Amino acid sequence: MFRGRKERETMGRCLTIAVALSMVLPPSALAGEHLVDRAEIAARLRAANAERAVNQRKLEEFLSLHAPGAVRGANLQRVSAGLAALSDDEMRDLAQRAEALQADPVAGGVGKALLIVGIVVAVLLVLWALAVKSCKEQGPKCFE
């Protein structure tokens, strides 16, 4: 790698000088720009904790209202302990699902209702067509 002893000594001196200068000189003014301020870290942690608490409360309220009787009471405390073990992403996902179920418990009931209305209208149209056909076959007596 190095050809001689003199080159190794020169390289060692350069390295020693570079290390000494890096320890003595103040850090660059730009070095702190890529770091996150402690106050911002604390604010982010508080926001994450608050979001987690809100999500856990949403899930506990949902379970207290919609859980089977076997889960209520003392078992609800065990469920709450299990909720605390979830990751933030899992808790957020479950809270969003619980909120969607509370907003629309049928979860797609509008589509089902439209299908039922469509079937009823189709049946009425078929009955009307049969009545018109019957009246044409009977002639003028149909309207009496």
N, C-alpha and C. Protein backbone atom coordinates (compact mmCIF):
# COMPACT_ATOMS: atom_id res chain seq x y z
N MET A 1 0.83 -1.17 0.00
CA MET A 1 0.00 0.00 0.00
C MET A 1 0.89 1.25 0.00
N PHE A 2 1.67 1.46 1.07
CA PHE A 2 2.61 2.58 1.10
C PHE A 2 3.99 2.03 0.73
N ARG A 3 4.75 2.85 0.06
CA ARG A 3 6.04 2.37 -0.43
C ARG A 3 7.11 2.33 0.65
N GLY A 4 7.07 3.25 1.53
CA GLY A 4 8.17 3.27 2.48
C GLY A 4 7.76 3.78 3.84
N ARG A 5 8.75 3.72 4.73
CA ARG A 5 8.51 4.14 6.11
C ARG A 5 8.21 5.62 6.19
N LYS A 6 8.85 6.41 5.36
CA LYS A 6 8.67 7.84 5.37
C LYS A 6 7.23 8.21 4.99
N GLU A 7 6.64 7.52 4.02
CA GLU A 7 5.27 7.79 3.61
C GLU A 7 4.28 7.41 4.72
N ARG A 8 4.57 6.31 5.41
CA ARG A 8 3.70 5.90 6.51
C ARG A 8 3.75 6.93 7.64
N GLU A 9 4.93 7.43 7.94
CA GLU A 9 5.05 8.44 8.99
C GLU A 9 4.29 9.71 8.59
N THR A 10 4.41 10.12 7.34
CA THR A 10 3.73 11.31 6.86
C THR A 10 2.21 11.14 6.95
N MET A 11 1.74 9.96 6.54
CA MET A 11 0.31 9.67 6.60
C MET A 11 -0.17 9.65 8.05
N GLY A 12 0.58 9.09 8.96
CA GLY A 12 0.22 9.06 10.37
C GLY A 12 0.14 10.46 10.96
N ARG A 13 1.09 11.32 10.60
CA ARG A 13 1.07 12.70 11.09
C ARG A 13 -0.17 13.44 10.57
N CYS A 14 -0.46 13.25 9.29
CA CYS A 14 -1.64 13.92 8.71
C CYS A 14 -2.92 13.47 9.43
N LEU A 15 -3.01 12.18 9.68
CA LEU A 15 -4.18 11.65 10.37
C LEU A 15 -4.27 12.20 11.79
N THR A 16 -3.15 12.28 12.50
CA THR A 16 -3.13 12.81 13.86
C THR A 16 -3.55 14.28 13.87
N ILE A 17 -3.06 15.05 12.92
CA ILE A 17 -3.41 16.46 12.83
C ILE A 17 -4.91 16.62 12.54
N ALA A 18 -5.44 15.81 11.64
CA ALA A 18 -6.86 15.90 11.29
C ALA A 18 -7.74 15.58 12.49
N VAL A 19 -7.37 14.57 13.26
CA VAL A 19 -8.16 14.21 14.44
C VAL A 19 -8.06 15.31 15.48
N ALA A 20 -6.88 15.84 15.71
CA ALA A 20 -6.70 16.91 16.70
C ALA A 20 -7.50 18.15 16.30
N LEU A 21 -7.48 18.50 15.04
CA LEU A 21 -8.23 19.68 14.59
C LEU A 21 -9.74 19.46 14.74
N SER A 22 -10.20 18.25 14.46
CA SER A 22 -11.63 18.00 14.58
C SER A 22 -12.09 18.07 16.03
N MET A 23 -11.20 17.81 16.97
CA MET A 23 -11.56 17.88 18.38
C MET A 23 -11.46 19.29 18.92
N VAL A 24 -10.60 20.10 18.34
CA VAL A 24 -10.36 21.44 18.85
C VAL A 24 -11.32 22.47 18.23
N LEU A 25 -11.55 22.36 16.94
CA LEU A 25 -12.38 23.34 16.25
C LEU A 25 -13.85 23.18 16.64
N PRO A 26 -14.60 24.29 16.68
CA PRO A 26 -16.03 24.19 17.01
C PRO A 26 -16.79 23.50 15.87
N PRO A 27 -17.90 22.87 16.19
CA PRO A 27 -18.66 22.21 15.12
C PRO A 27 -19.20 23.24 14.13
N SER A 28 -19.43 22.82 12.97
CA SER A 28 -19.92 23.71 11.91
C SER A 28 -21.28 24.28 12.30
N ALA A 29 -21.52 25.47 11.86
CA ALA A 29 -22.79 26.13 12.15
C ALA A 29 -23.94 25.41 11.44
N LEU A 30 -23.65 24.76 10.34
CA LEU A 30 -24.68 24.05 9.59
C LEU A 30 -24.94 22.64 10.13
N ALA A 31 -24.12 22.18 11.04
CA ALA A 31 -24.26 20.80 11.52
C ALA A 31 -25.58 20.58 12.26
N GLY A 32 -26.08 21.60 12.92
CA GLY A 32 -27.31 21.44 13.69
C GLY A 32 -28.58 21.49 12.86
N GLU A 33 -28.50 21.88 11.61
CA GLU A 33 -29.70 22.04 10.80
C GLU A 33 -30.40 20.72 10.50
N HIS A 34 -29.67 19.64 10.42
CA HIS A 34 -30.30 18.38 10.09
C HIS A 34 -30.81 17.64 11.34
N LEU A 35 -30.54 18.19 12.50
CA LEU A 35 -31.00 17.59 13.74
C LEU A 35 -32.35 18.15 14.13
N VAL A 36 -33.15 17.33 14.81
CA VAL A 36 -34.47 17.76 15.27
C VAL A 36 -34.32 18.35 16.66
N ASP A 37 -34.94 19.50 16.87
CA ASP A 37 -34.90 20.19 18.14
C ASP A 37 -35.59 19.35 19.22
N ARG A 38 -35.11 19.43 20.44
CA ARG A 38 -35.71 18.65 21.55
C ARG A 38 -37.17 19.01 21.78
N ALA A 39 -37.50 20.27 21.64
CA ALA A 39 -38.89 20.70 21.82
C ALA A 39 -39.79 20.08 20.76
N GLU A 40 -39.29 19.98 19.53
CA GLU A 40 -40.07 19.37 18.46
C GLU A 40 -40.24 17.88 18.69
N ILE A 41 -39.20 17.22 19.17
CA ILE A 41 -39.30 15.80 19.50
C ILE A 41 -40.35 15.58 20.59
N ALA A 42 -40.29 16.41 21.61
CA ALA A 42 -41.26 16.28 22.71
C ALA A 42 -42.68 16.54 22.21
N ALA A 43 -42.85 17.52 21.32
CA ALA A 43 -44.18 17.82 20.78
C ALA A 43 -44.70 16.66 19.95
N ARG A 44 -43.83 16.05 19.15
CA ARG A 44 -44.25 14.90 18.34
C ARG A 44 -44.63 13.71 19.22
N LEU A 45 -43.86 13.49 20.27
CA LEU A 45 -44.17 12.38 21.18
C LEU A 45 -45.50 12.61 21.90
N ARG A 46 -45.74 13.87 22.33
CA ARG A 46 -47.03 14.18 22.97
C ARG A 46 -48.19 13.97 22.01
N ALA A 47 -48.01 14.39 20.75
CA ALA A 47 -49.08 14.23 19.76
C ALA A 47 -49.34 12.75 19.49
N ALA A 48 -48.28 11.96 19.40
CA ALA A 48 -48.45 10.52 19.16
C ALA A 48 -49.14 9.86 20.34
N ASN A 49 -48.77 10.24 21.55
CA ASN A 49 -49.42 9.68 22.75
C ASN A 49 -50.88 10.08 22.83
N ALA A 50 -51.17 11.34 22.48
CA ALA A 50 -52.56 11.80 22.51
C ALA A 50 -53.39 11.06 21.46
N GLU A 51 -52.84 10.86 20.26
CA GLU A 51 -53.55 10.13 19.22
C GLU A 51 -53.80 8.69 19.65
N ARG A 52 -52.82 8.07 20.26
CA ARG A 52 -52.97 6.69 20.72
C ARG A 52 -54.05 6.60 21.80
N ALA A 53 -54.07 7.57 22.72
CA ALA A 53 -55.08 7.56 23.78
C ALA A 53 -56.48 7.73 23.20
N VAL A 54 -56.62 8.61 22.20
CA VAL A 54 -57.91 8.82 21.56
C VAL A 54 -58.36 7.55 20.85
N ASN A 55 -57.44 6.91 20.12
CA ASN A 55 -57.78 5.68 19.41
C ASN A 55 -58.17 4.57 20.38
N GLN A 56 -57.44 4.45 21.49
CA GLN A 56 -57.77 3.42 22.47
C GLN A 56 -59.14 3.69 23.10
N ARG A 57 -59.44 4.97 23.37
CA ARG A 57 -60.74 5.31 23.94
C ARG A 57 -61.87 5.00 22.95
N LYS A 58 -61.65 5.29 21.66
CA LYS A 58 -62.65 4.97 20.64
C LYS A 58 -62.93 3.47 20.61
N LEU A 59 -61.86 2.67 20.65
CA LEU A 59 -62.03 1.22 20.61
C LEU A 59 -62.73 0.69 21.86
N GLU A 60 -62.37 1.23 23.01
CA GLU A 60 -63.00 0.79 24.25
C GLU A 60 -64.49 1.15 24.27
N GLU A 61 -64.83 2.35 23.79
CA GLU A 61 -66.23 2.75 23.71
C GLU A 61 -66.99 1.85 22.73
N PHE A 62 -66.38 1.56 21.59
CA PHE A 62 -67.03 0.70 20.60
C PHE A 62 -67.27 -0.69 21.18
N LEU A 63 -66.27 -1.24 21.85
CA LEU A 63 -66.42 -2.57 22.42
C LEU A 63 -67.43 -2.58 23.56
N SER A 64 -67.47 -1.52 24.35
CA SER A 64 -68.44 -1.49 25.45
C SER A 64 -69.87 -1.43 24.93
N LEU A 65 -70.06 -0.85 23.75
CA LEU A 65 -71.41 -0.76 23.17
C LEU A 65 -71.79 -2.00 22.35
N HIS A 66 -70.82 -2.55 21.63
CA HIS A 66 -71.14 -3.57 20.64
C HIS A 66 -70.59 -4.96 20.95
N ALA A 67 -69.82 -5.08 22.00
CA ALA A 67 -69.24 -6.40 22.31
C ALA A 67 -70.30 -7.32 22.90
N PRO A 68 -70.17 -8.62 22.69
CA PRO A 68 -71.10 -9.55 23.32
C PRO A 68 -71.00 -9.49 24.83
N GLY A 69 -72.03 -9.97 25.50
CA GLY A 69 -72.07 -9.92 26.97
C GLY A 69 -70.90 -10.60 27.63
N ALA A 70 -70.33 -11.61 27.00
CA ALA A 70 -69.20 -12.33 27.60
C ALA A 70 -67.96 -11.45 27.67
N VAL A 71 -67.87 -10.44 26.82
CA VAL A 71 -66.68 -9.58 26.80
C VAL A 71 -66.83 -8.42 27.76
N ARG A 72 -68.04 -8.05 28.09
CA ARG A 72 -68.25 -6.90 28.98
C ARG A 72 -67.81 -7.22 30.41
N GLY A 73 -67.70 -6.18 31.20
CA GLY A 73 -67.36 -6.36 32.61
C GLY A 73 -65.88 -6.58 32.81
N ALA A 74 -65.56 -7.60 33.57
CA ALA A 74 -64.15 -7.87 33.91
C ALA A 74 -63.34 -8.22 32.67
N ASN A 75 -63.96 -8.89 31.71
CA ASN A 75 -63.23 -9.25 30.50
C ASN A 75 -62.90 -8.03 29.66
N LEU A 76 -63.69 -6.98 29.80
CA LEU A 76 -63.41 -5.75 29.06
C LEU A 76 -62.07 -5.14 29.50
N GLN A 77 -61.73 -5.33 30.77
CA GLN A 77 -60.42 -4.85 31.26
C GLN A 77 -59.29 -5.63 30.59
N ARG A 78 -59.50 -6.93 30.38
CA ARG A 78 -58.48 -7.73 29.70
C ARG A 78 -58.36 -7.30 28.24
N VAL A 79 -59.51 -6.98 27.64
CA VAL A 79 -59.48 -6.51 26.25
C VAL A 79 -58.74 -5.18 26.18
N SER A 80 -58.97 -4.30 27.14
CA SER A 80 -58.27 -3.01 27.17
C SER A 80 -56.77 -3.21 27.31
N ALA A 81 -56.38 -4.18 28.12
CA ALA A 81 -54.95 -4.48 28.26
C ALA A 81 -54.39 -5.01 26.94
N GLY A 82 -55.19 -5.79 26.23
CA GLY A 82 -54.76 -6.28 24.93
C GLY A 82 -54.64 -5.16 23.91
N LEU A 83 -55.56 -4.19 23.99
CA LEU A 83 -55.48 -3.04 23.09
C LEU A 83 -54.20 -2.24 23.32
N ALA A 84 -53.80 -2.15 24.59
CA ALA A 84 -52.58 -1.40 24.91
C ALA A 84 -51.35 -2.06 24.30
N ALA A 85 -51.44 -3.37 24.03
CA ALA A 85 -50.29 -4.08 23.47
C ALA A 85 -50.18 -3.90 21.95
N LEU A 86 -51.19 -3.33 21.33
CA LEU A 86 -51.16 -3.13 19.88
C LEU A 86 -50.18 -2.02 19.50
N SER A 87 -49.65 -2.12 18.28
CA SER A 87 -48.79 -1.04 17.79
C SER A 87 -49.65 0.17 17.44
N ASP A 88 -49.02 1.31 17.24
CA ASP A 88 -49.75 2.53 16.91
C ASP A 88 -50.53 2.38 15.60
N ASP A 89 -49.90 1.75 14.60
CA ASP A 89 -50.57 1.57 13.31
C ASP A 89 -51.77 0.64 13.43
N GLU A 90 -51.63 -0.45 14.18
CA GLU A 90 -52.74 -1.37 14.38
C GLU A 90 -53.89 -0.70 15.12
N MET A 91 -53.54 0.07 16.15
CA MET A 91 -54.55 0.77 16.93
C MET A 91 -55.28 1.79 16.06
N ARG A 92 -54.54 2.53 15.23
CA ARG A 92 -55.14 3.54 14.34
C ARG A 92 -56.08 2.86 13.34
N ASP A 93 -55.65 1.74 12.77
CA ASP A 93 -56.47 1.02 11.79
C ASP A 93 -57.77 0.52 12.42
N LEU A 94 -57.67 -0.09 13.59
CA LEU A 94 -58.86 -0.60 14.27
C LEU A 94 -59.81 0.53 14.68
N ALA A 95 -59.25 1.65 15.12
CA ALA A 95 -60.08 2.79 15.51
C ALA A 95 -60.83 3.34 14.30
N GLN A 96 -60.16 3.40 13.16
CA GLN A 96 -60.83 3.88 11.95
C GLN A 96 -61.94 2.92 11.53
N ARG A 97 -61.70 1.63 11.65
CA ARG A 97 -62.73 0.65 11.31
C ARG A 97 -63.92 0.74 12.26
N ALA A 98 -63.64 0.89 13.54
CA ALA A 98 -64.71 1.01 14.53
C ALA A 98 -65.54 2.27 14.27
N GLU A 99 -64.86 3.36 13.92
CA GLU A 99 -65.56 4.61 13.63
C GLU A 99 -66.44 4.46 12.38
N ALA A 100 -65.93 3.75 11.37
CA ALA A 100 -66.72 3.53 10.16
C ALA A 100 -67.94 2.66 10.45
N LEU A 101 -67.78 1.67 11.32
CA LEU A 101 -68.91 0.81 11.67
C LEU A 101 -69.96 1.56 12.47
N GLN A 102 -69.53 2.49 13.31
CA GLN A 102 -70.50 3.28 14.06
C GLN A 102 -71.24 4.25 13.15
N ALA A 103 -70.56 4.77 12.14
CA ALA A 103 -71.20 5.70 11.22
C ALA A 103 -72.19 4.96 10.31
N ASP A 104 -71.84 3.75 9.86
CA ASP A 104 -72.70 2.97 8.98
C ASP A 104 -72.65 1.51 9.42
N PRO A 105 -73.50 1.13 10.39
CA PRO A 105 -73.42 -0.21 10.94
C PRO A 105 -73.71 -1.31 9.93
N VAL A 106 -74.46 -1.00 8.90
CA VAL A 106 -74.77 -2.02 7.91
C VAL A 106 -73.59 -2.19 6.96
N ALA A 107 -72.77 -1.17 6.85
CA ALA A 107 -71.58 -1.19 6.00
C ALA A 107 -71.93 -1.63 4.59
N GLY A 108 -72.58 -0.77 3.90
CA GLY A 108 -72.98 -1.09 2.53
C GLY A 108 -74.48 -1.30 2.43
N GLY A 109 -75.23 -0.93 3.44
CA GLY A 109 -76.66 -1.13 3.45
C GLY A 109 -77.38 -0.35 2.37
N VAL A 110 -76.81 0.76 1.91
CA VAL A 110 -77.45 1.55 0.87
C VAL A 110 -77.52 0.73 -0.42
N GLY A 111 -76.46 0.03 -0.74
CA GLY A 111 -76.46 -0.82 -1.93
C GLY A 111 -77.49 -1.93 -1.83
N LYS A 112 -77.61 -2.52 -0.64
CA LYS A 112 -78.61 -3.57 -0.43
C LYS A 112 -80.02 -3.01 -0.54
N ALA A 113 -80.24 -1.83 0.01
CA ALA A 113 -81.57 -1.21 -0.06
C ALA A 113 -81.94 -0.90 -1.50
N LEU A 114 -80.98 -0.39 -2.28
CA LEU A 114 -81.25 -0.11 -3.69
C LEU A 114 -81.56 -1.39 -4.45
N LEU A 115 -80.89 -2.47 -4.12
CA LEU A 115 -81.16 -3.75 -4.77
C LEU A 115 -82.57 -4.22 -4.46
N ILE A 116 -82.99 -4.11 -3.23
CA ILE A 116 -84.35 -4.51 -2.84
C ILE A 116 -85.39 -3.66 -3.54
N VAL A 117 -85.18 -2.34 -3.58
CA VAL A 117 -86.11 -1.45 -4.27
C VAL A 117 -86.18 -1.80 -5.75
N GLY A 118 -85.05 -2.09 -6.35
CA GLY A 118 -85.01 -2.48 -7.76
C GLY A 118 -85.79 -3.75 -8.03
N ILE A 119 -85.65 -4.73 -7.15
CA ILE A 119 -86.40 -5.99 -7.30
C ILE A 119 -87.89 -5.74 -7.18
N VAL A 120 -88.29 -4.93 -6.20
CA VAL A 120 -89.71 -4.63 -6.01
C VAL A 120 -90.27 -3.91 -7.24
N VAL A 121 -89.53 -2.96 -7.79
CA VAL A 121 -89.98 -2.24 -8.99
C VAL A 121 -90.09 -3.20 -10.16
N ALA A 122 -89.12 -4.10 -10.31
CA ALA A 122 -89.17 -5.07 -11.41
C ALA A 122 -90.40 -5.98 -11.28
N VAL A 123 -90.69 -6.44 -10.07
CA VAL A 123 -91.86 -7.30 -9.85
C VAL A 123 -93.13 -6.52 -10.18
N LEU A 124 -93.22 -5.27 -9.76
CA LEU A 124 -94.40 -4.45 -10.07
C LEU A 124 -94.56 -4.24 -11.58
N LEU A 125 -93.45 -4.03 -12.29
CA LEU A 125 -93.52 -3.87 -13.74
C LEU A 125 -94.00 -5.14 -14.42
N VAL A 126 -93.52 -6.30 -13.96
CA VAL A 126 -93.96 -7.58 -14.53
C VAL A 126 -95.45 -7.77 -14.26
N LEU A 127 -95.91 -7.48 -13.05
CA LEU A 127 -97.34 -7.60 -12.73
C LEU A 127 -98.18 -6.65 -13.58
N TRP A 128 -97.71 -5.45 -13.79
CA TRP A 128 -98.42 -4.48 -14.62
C TRP A 128 -98.50 -4.96 -16.06
N ALA A 129 -97.36 -5.51 -16.57
CA ALA A 129 -97.36 -6.03 -17.95
C ALA A 129 -98.33 -7.20 -18.09
N LEU A 130 -98.37 -8.05 -17.09
CA LEU A 130 -99.33 -9.17 -17.13
C LEU A 130 -100.76 -8.67 -17.08
N ALA A 131 -101.03 -7.64 -16.30
CA ALA A 131 -102.37 -7.07 -16.20
C ALA A 131 -102.78 -6.44 -17.52
N VAL A 132 -101.87 -5.74 -18.18
CA VAL A 132 -102.16 -5.12 -19.47
C VAL A 132 -102.44 -6.20 -20.51
N LYS A 133 -101.64 -7.25 -20.53
CA LYS A 133 -101.84 -8.36 -21.47
C LYS A 133 -103.20 -9.02 -21.25
N SER A 134 -103.53 -9.21 -19.98
CA SER A 134 -104.82 -9.83 -19.65
C SER A 134 -105.98 -8.95 -20.11
N CYS A 135 -105.82 -7.64 -19.92
CA CYS A 135 -106.88 -6.71 -20.34
C CYS A 135 -107.04 -6.70 -21.86
N LYS A 136 -105.93 -6.83 -22.59
CA LYS A 136 -106.02 -6.87 -24.06
C LYS A 136 -106.74 -8.12 -24.52
N GLU A 137 -106.52 -9.23 -23.82
CA GLU A 137 -107.18 -10.49 -24.19
C GLU A 137 -108.66 -10.44 -23.88
N GLN A 138 -109.06 -9.80 -22.81
CA GLN A 138 -110.46 -9.72 -22.41
C GLN A 138 -111.25 -8.70 -23.22
N GLY A 139 -110.54 -7.76 -23.72
CA GLY A 139 -111.21 -6.72 -24.52
C GLY A 139 -111.84 -5.66 -23.65
N PRO A 140 -113.00 -5.10 -24.11
CA PRO A 140 -113.62 -3.99 -23.39
C PRO A 140 -114.15 -4.38 -22.00
N LYS A 141 -114.36 -5.65 -21.74
CA LYS A 141 -114.90 -6.08 -20.44
C LYS A 141 -113.90 -5.82 -19.32
N CYS A 142 -112.65 -5.72 -19.63
CA CYS A 142 -111.59 -5.54 -18.62
C CYS A 142 -111.77 -4.25 -17.85
N PHE A 143 -112.23 -3.20 -18.50
CA PHE A 143 -112.33 -1.90 -17.85
C PHE A 143 -113.63 -1.69 -17.10
N GLU A 144 -114.51 -2.67 -17.12
CA GLU A 144 -115.80 -2.53 -16.44
C GLU A 144 -115.70 -2.77 -14.98
